[in-house]
């Protein structure tokens, strides 16, 4: 068995649109074999076309996708900071309670 891998072929959005339209005519397996792609690749392209339109077929991220990622990163940072603050407050309360009960025991 050969250990060499096929080199990746990057298709333009026009080629992807052509393949998707051919699939509607000729079927998934025939077109995938013709162009040497996996059916899962076709289904990924079709899903992106349905969800993001033609821009979804471009290689890489779209501007909207990048904006969404940045927004989610900011939200994650904010939530992480809130969690750290909450944990710090909780640990301080625990320490204060321990000191309070220790002082009460010593007074008795």
Protein backbone atom coordinates (compact mmCIF):
# COMPACT_ATOMS: atom_id res chain seq x y z
CA UNK A 1 0.00 0.00 0.00
CA UNK A 2 1.37 3.42 -0.92
CA UNK A 3 2.18 5.89 1.82
CA UNK A 4 1.98 8.91 -0.47
CA UNK A 5 -0.95 11.24 -0.01
CA UNK A 6 -2.74 13.17 -2.69
CA UNK A 7 -2.06 16.87 -2.65
CA UNK A 8 -4.96 19.04 -1.58
CA UNK A 9 -6.87 20.71 -4.37
CA UNK A 10 -8.44 24.04 -3.48
CA UNK A 11 -11.45 24.73 -5.56
CA UNK A 12 -12.81 28.18 -6.29
CA UNK A 13 -16.35 29.09 -5.32
CA UNK A 14 -17.33 28.93 -9.01
CA UNK A 15 -16.07 25.34 -9.23
CA UNK A 16 -17.94 24.45 -6.06
CA UNK A 17 -21.16 25.99 -7.42
CA UNK A 18 -20.70 24.02 -10.65
CA UNK A 19 -20.23 20.77 -8.71
CA UNK A 20 -23.29 21.46 -6.55
CA UNK A 21 -25.44 22.14 -9.61
CA UNK A 22 -24.16 18.96 -11.31
CA UNK A 23 -25.07 16.93 -8.24
CA UNK A 24 -28.66 18.08 -8.59
CA UNK A 25 -28.66 16.69 -12.13
CA UNK A 26 -26.49 13.56 -11.93
CA UNK A 27 -26.45 12.49 -8.27
CA UNK A 28 -23.94 12.73 -5.47
CA UNK A 29 -21.86 9.60 -6.01
CA UNK A 30 -21.35 10.08 -9.76
CA UNK A 31 -20.28 13.70 -9.47
CA UNK A 32 -18.07 13.07 -6.44
CA UNK A 33 -16.25 10.29 -8.28
CA UNK A 34 -15.92 12.48 -11.38
CA UNK A 35 -14.23 15.31 -9.45
CA UNK A 36 -12.43 13.12 -6.90
CA UNK A 37 -14.10 14.52 -3.80
CA UNK A 38 -15.73 12.80 -0.86
CA UNK A 39 -19.50 13.00 -0.46
CA UNK A 40 -18.97 14.58 2.96
CA UNK A 41 -17.13 17.43 1.23
CA UNK A 42 -20.09 17.98 -1.07
CA UNK A 43 -22.52 17.99 1.85
CA UNK A 44 -20.33 20.50 3.71
CA UNK A 45 -20.32 22.80 0.67
CA UNK A 46 -24.09 22.46 0.26
CA UNK A 47 -24.66 23.22 3.95
CA UNK A 48 -22.45 26.32 3.75
CA UNK A 49 -24.23 27.45 0.59
CA UNK A 50 -27.61 27.13 2.31
CA UNK A 51 -26.53 28.84 5.53
CA UNK A 52 -24.15 31.59 4.33
CA UNK A 53 -24.88 31.94 0.65
CA UNK A 54 -22.18 32.09 -2.02
CA UNK A 55 -19.70 33.72 0.41
CA UNK A 56 -19.82 30.52 2.46
CA UNK A 57 -18.10 28.67 -0.37
CA UNK A 58 -15.02 30.88 -0.26
CA UNK A 59 -11.91 29.39 1.29
CA UNK A 60 -11.35 30.79 4.74
CA UNK A 61 -13.54 32.87 6.97
CA UNK A 62 -16.05 35.50 6.02
CA UNK A 63 -16.04 38.94 7.65
CA UNK A 64 -19.25 38.17 9.52
CA UNK A 65 -17.79 34.91 10.82
CA UNK A 66 -14.68 36.72 12.07
CA UNK A 67 -16.83 39.37 13.78
CA UNK A 68 -18.85 36.66 15.48
CA UNK A 69 -15.68 34.91 16.69
CA UNK A 70 -14.32 38.18 18.13
CA UNK A 71 -17.63 38.86 19.85
CA UNK A 72 -17.67 35.38 21.37
CA UNK A 73 -14.05 35.76 22.53
CA UNK A 74 -14.90 39.02 24.29
CA UNK A 75 -17.91 37.41 25.92
CA UNK A 76 -15.78 34.45 27.06
CA UNK A 77 -13.21 36.81 28.56
CA UNK A 78 -15.93 38.74 30.39
CA UNK A 79 -17.49 35.54 31.73
CA UNK A 80 -14.07 34.21 32.76
CA UNK A 81 -13.42 37.41 34.72
CA UNK A 82 -16.82 37.16 36.41
CA UNK A 83 -16.09 33.58 37.40
CA UNK A 84 -12.70 34.53 38.86
CA UNK A 85 -14.30 37.33 40.86
CA UNK A 86 -16.99 35.00 42.14
CA UNK A 87 -14.43 32.40 43.21
CA UNK A 88 -12.35 35.05 44.95
CA UNK A 89 -15.38 36.38 46.82
CA UNK A 90 -16.36 32.86 47.81
CA UNK A 91 -12.91 32.05 49.15
CA UNK A 92 -12.81 35.34 51.10
CA UNK A 93 -16.22 34.61 52.63
CA UNK A 94 -15.03 31.13 53.62
CA UNK A 95 -11.96 32.58 55.31
CA UNK A 96 -14.05 35.15 57.17
CA UNK A 97 -16.49 32.49 58.34
CA UNK A 98 -13.64 30.28 59.57
CA UNK A 99 -12.15 33.18 61.51
CA UNK A 100 -15.55 34.10 62.97
CA UNK A 101 -16.28 30.58 64.18
CA UNK A 102 -12.73 30.14 65.46
CA UNK A 103 -13.05 33.34 67.50
CA UNK A 104 -16.43 32.19 68.87
CA UNK A 105 -14.93 28.86 69.98
CA UNK A 106 -12.03 30.60 71.66
CA UNK A 107 -14.39 32.89 73.61
CA UNK A 108 -16.37 29.99 75.06
